[in-house]
Amino acid sequence: MAEIMITVDGVPVPCPSTYTFGLQDISAADSGRTDDTVMHKNRVGQKRTLSLQWNGKTWAETAQILQAFNPEYISVRYPDMLSGQYETRTFYVGDRTAPVKWWYVGKQMVESISFNVIER
């Protein structure tokens, strides 16, 4: 049996076609370059961003994925590339897109579903 890649609020979601791990530094408000051109980053934290995409899903599968990621905040278990382990963190979801592909072999399909989840 294949390992489940991602769960949302404890429920497995279909394995994405594309998964991109991102790590964003959060800098203090007084960060920036001084007149001598030296950068003072003043990192106060780091947050994860996961870019997810599913290709060629039916309308029902698309609805299942979009509904799983629809709450304002979600608990996501995912493979974290910084720690090298599965982690569970709280995320919110960015804008979602799902371009519709007309009926294909008798099925209503979407070309892809894509969005980012950003650590809270």
C-alpha atoms as a PDB file:
ATOM      1  CA  MET A   1       0.000   0.000   0.000  1.00  0.00           C
ATOM      2  CA  ALA A   2       1.330   3.445  -0.921  1.00  0.00           C
ATOM      3  CA  GLU A   3       2.139   5.884   1.850  1.00  0.00           C
ATOM      4  CA  ILE A   4      -0.300   8.752   2.237  1.00  0.00           C
ATOM      5  CA  MET A   5       1.523  11.945   1.286  1.00  0.00           C
ATOM      6  CA  ILE A   6      -0.792  14.610   2.714  1.00  0.00           C
ATOM      7  CA  THR A   7      -3.625  14.673   5.217  1.00  0.00           C
ATOM      8  CA  VAL A   8      -5.888  17.636   5.951  1.00  0.00           C
ATOM      9  CA  ASP A   9      -7.467  17.705   9.397  1.00  0.00           C
ATOM     10  CA  GLY A  10      -6.592  14.010   9.692  1.00  0.00           C
ATOM     11  CA  VAL A  11      -8.217  12.988   6.392  1.00  0.00           C
ATOM     12  CA  PRO A  12      -6.047  11.735   3.493  1.00  0.00           C
ATOM     13  CA  VAL A  13      -6.281  13.689   0.242  1.00  0.00           C
ATOM     14  CA  PRO A  14      -5.292  12.351  -3.184  1.00  0.00           C
ATOM     15  CA  CYS A  15      -1.566  12.541  -3.857  1.00  0.00           C
ATOM     16  CA  PRO A  16      -0.831  15.755  -5.781  1.00  0.00           C
ATOM     17  CA  SER A  17       0.704  15.642  -9.254  1.00  0.00           C
ATOM     18  CA  THR A  18       3.108  18.396  -8.210  1.00  0.00           C
ATOM     19  CA  TYR A  19       4.328  19.208  -4.705  1.00  0.00           C
ATOM     20  CA  THR A  20       6.757  22.084  -4.139  1.00  0.00           C
ATOM     21  CA  PHE A  21       8.093  22.842  -0.665  1.00  0.00           C
ATOM     22  CA  GLY A  22       8.903  26.476   0.096  1.00  0.00           C
ATOM     23  CA  LEU A  23      10.485  28.145   3.117  1.00  0.00           C
ATOM     24  CA  GLN A  24       9.994  31.865   3.700  1.00  0.00           C
ATOM     25  CA  ASP A  25      12.054  33.964   6.101  1.00  0.00           C
ATOM     26  CA  ILE A  26      10.045  36.479   8.114  1.00  0.00           C
ATOM     27  CA  SER A  27      12.091  39.590   8.886  1.00  0.00           C
ATOM     28  CA  ALA A  28      11.551  42.213  11.582  1.00  0.00           C
ATOM     29  CA  ALA A  29       9.915  45.480  10.589  1.00  0.00           C
ATOM     30  CA  ASP A  30      13.220  47.342  10.959  1.00  0.00           C
ATOM     31  CA  SER A  31      15.022  45.061   8.482  1.00  0.00           C
ATOM     32  CA  GLY A  32      16.596  46.418   5.334  1.00  0.00           C
ATOM     33  CA  ARG A  33      19.735  47.852   3.819  1.00  0.00           C
ATOM     34  CA  THR A  34      21.630  50.619   5.520  1.00  0.00           C
ATOM     35  CA  ASP A  35      23.386  53.452   3.677  1.00  0.00           C
ATOM     36  CA  ASP A  36      26.568  51.355   3.491  1.00  0.00           C
ATOM     37  CA  THR A  37      24.513  48.784   1.447  1.00  0.00           C
ATOM     38  CA  VAL A  38      24.768  46.091   4.132  1.00  0.00           C
ATOM     39  CA  MET A  39      21.601  44.002   4.513  1.00  0.00           C
ATOM     40  CA  HIS A  40      20.261  43.639   8.047  1.00  0.00           C
ATOM     41  CA  LYS A  41      17.770  40.818   7.655  1.00  0.00           C
ATOM     42  CA  ASN A  42      16.808  40.447  11.325  1.00  0.00           C
ATOM     43  CA  ARG A  43      14.997  37.150  10.785  1.00  0.00           C
ATOM     44  CA  VAL A  44      12.338  36.632  13.428  1.00  0.00           C
ATOM     45  CA  GLY A  45      10.892  33.407  12.065  1.00  0.00           C
ATOM     46  CA  GLN A  46      10.307  31.081   9.142  1.00  0.00           C
ATOM     47  CA  LYS A  47       7.087  29.839   7.561  1.00  0.00           C
ATOM     48  CA  ARG A  48       6.403  27.021   5.124  1.00  0.00           C
ATOM     49  CA  THR A  49       4.539  27.321   1.838  1.00  0.00           C
ATOM     50  CA  LEU A  50       3.385  24.234  -0.040  1.00  0.00           C
ATOM     51  CA  SER A  51       2.508  24.657  -3.720  1.00  0.00           C
ATOM     52  CA  LEU A  52       0.107  21.898  -4.720  1.00  0.00           C
ATOM     53  CA  GLN A  53      -1.328  20.833  -8.069  1.00  0.00           C
ATOM     54  CA  TRP A  54      -3.491  17.936  -9.170  1.00  0.00           C
ATOM     55  CA  ASN A  55      -3.901  17.171 -12.879  1.00  0.00           C
ATOM     56  CA  GLY A  56      -6.790  15.568 -14.775  1.00  0.00           C
ATOM     57  CA  LYS A  57      -9.332  15.100 -11.989  1.00  0.00           C
ATOM     58  CA  THR A  58     -13.069  14.574 -12.385  1.00  0.00           C
ATOM     59  CA  TRP A  59     -15.457  17.198 -11.113  1.00  0.00           C
ATOM     60  CA  ALA A  60     -16.243  14.991  -8.095  1.00  0.00           C
ATOM     61  CA  GLU A  61     -12.540  14.525  -7.264  1.00  0.00           C
ATOM     62  CA  THR A  62     -11.995  18.264  -7.703  1.00  0.00           C
ATOM     63  CA  ALA A  63     -14.830  19.032  -5.296  1.00  0.00           C
ATOM     64  CA  GLN A  64     -13.388  16.573  -2.755  1.00  0.00           C
ATOM     65  CA  ILE A  65      -9.970  18.269  -2.872  1.00  0.00           C
ATOM     66  CA  LEU A  66     -11.354  21.816  -2.777  1.00  0.00           C
ATOM     67  CA  GLN A  67     -13.686  20.975   0.115  1.00  0.00           C
ATOM     68  CA  ALA A  68     -10.825  19.458   2.139  1.00  0.00           C
ATOM     69  CA  PHE A  69      -8.834  22.673   1.794  1.00  0.00           C
ATOM     70  CA  ASN A  70     -11.820  25.035   2.196  1.00  0.00           C
ATOM     71  CA  PRO A  71     -11.813  25.819   5.953  1.00  0.00           C
ATOM     72  CA  GLU A  72     -10.191  29.086   7.019  1.00  0.00           C
ATOM     73  CA  TYR A  73      -7.379  27.213   8.807  1.00  0.00           C
ATOM     74  CA  ILE A  74      -6.411  23.584   8.360  1.00  0.00           C
ATOM     75  CA  SER A  75      -4.051  21.155  10.022  1.00  0.00           C
ATOM     76  CA  VAL A  76      -1.854  19.608   7.325  1.00  0.00           C
ATOM     77  CA  ARG A  77       0.467  16.624   7.700  1.00  0.00           C
ATOM     78  CA  TYR A  78       3.032  16.786   4.898  1.00  0.00           C
ATOM     79  CA  PRO A  79       6.653  15.864   4.054  1.00  0.00           C
ATOM     80  CA  ASP A  80       8.845  18.727   5.302  1.00  0.00           C
ATOM     81  CA  MET A  81      12.002  19.110   3.226  1.00  0.00           C
ATOM     82  CA  LEU A  82      13.846  21.104   5.918  1.00  0.00           C
ATOM     83  CA  SER A  83      13.444  18.517   8.688  1.00  0.00           C
ATOM     84  CA  GLY A  84      13.377  15.506   6.371  1.00  0.00           C
ATOM     85  CA  GLN A  85      10.320  14.153   8.181  1.00  0.00           C
ATOM     86  CA  TYR A  86       6.546  14.335   8.110  1.00  0.00           C
ATOM     87  CA  GLU A  87       5.300  17.302  10.115  1.00  0.00           C
ATOM     88  CA  THR A  88       1.896  18.666  11.052  1.00  0.00           C
ATOM     89  CA  ARG A  89       1.360  22.423  11.016  1.00  0.00           C
ATOM     90  CA  THR A  90      -1.521  24.879  10.709  1.00  0.00           C
ATOM     91  CA  PHE A  91      -1.973  26.470   7.281  1.00  0.00           C
ATOM     92  CA  TYR A  92      -4.357  28.726   5.405  1.00  0.00           C
ATOM     93  CA  VAL A  93      -5.072  28.425   1.688  1.00  0.00           C
ATOM     94  CA  GLY A  94      -4.312  30.965  -1.022  1.00  0.00           C
ATOM     95  CA  ASP A  95      -6.350  31.541  -4.173  1.00  0.00           C
ATOM     96  CA  ARG A  96      -7.498  28.339  -5.869  1.00  0.00           C
ATOM     97  CA  THR A  97      -7.811  27.686  -9.596  1.00  0.00           C
ATOM     98  CA  ALA A  98      -9.386  24.783 -11.477  1.00  0.00           C
ATOM     99  CA  PRO A  99      -9.529  25.320 -15.258  1.00  0.00           C
ATOM    100  CA  VAL A 100     -12.324  23.188 -16.680  1.00  0.00           C
ATOM    101  CA  LYS A 101     -11.583  20.722 -19.442  1.00  0.00           C
ATOM    102  CA  TRP A 102     -14.649  19.796 -21.458  1.00  0.00           C
ATOM    103  CA  TRP A 103     -15.976  16.299 -21.377  1.00  0.00           C
ATOM    104  CA  TYR A 104     -13.216  13.813 -22.029  1.00  0.00           C
ATOM    105  CA  VAL A 105     -14.063  10.181 -22.750  1.00  0.00           C
ATOM    106  CA  GLY A 106     -17.492  10.672 -21.227  1.00  0.00           C
ATOM    107  CA  LYS A 107     -16.186  12.299 -18.015  1.00  0.00           C
ATOM    108  CA  GLN A 108     -16.415  15.859 -16.798  1.00  0.00           C
ATOM    109  CA  MET A 109     -12.795  16.792 -16.090  1.00  0.00           C
ATOM    110  CA  VAL A 110     -10.691  19.701 -14.923  1.00  0.00           C
ATOM    111  CA  GLU A 111      -7.295  20.337 -16.446  1.00  0.00           C
ATOM    112  CA  SER A 112      -5.720  20.988 -13.047  1.00  0.00           C
ATOM    113  CA  ILE A 113      -6.367  22.198  -9.526  1.00  0.00           C
ATOM    114  CA  SER A 114      -3.700  24.395  -8.006  1.00  0.00           C
ATOM    115  CA  PHE A 115      -3.108  26.541  -4.939  1.00  0.00           C
ATOM    116  CA  ASN A 116      -0.647  27.281  -2.180  1.00  0.00           C
ATOM    117  CA  VAL A 117      -1.075  26.516   1.487  1.00  0.00           C
ATOM    118  CA  ILE A 118       0.778  28.961   3.699  1.00  0.00           C
ATOM    119  CA  GLU A 119       1.777  28.326   7.304  1.00  0.00           C
ATOM    120  CA  ARG A 120      -0.194  30.447   9.743  1.00  0.00           C
END
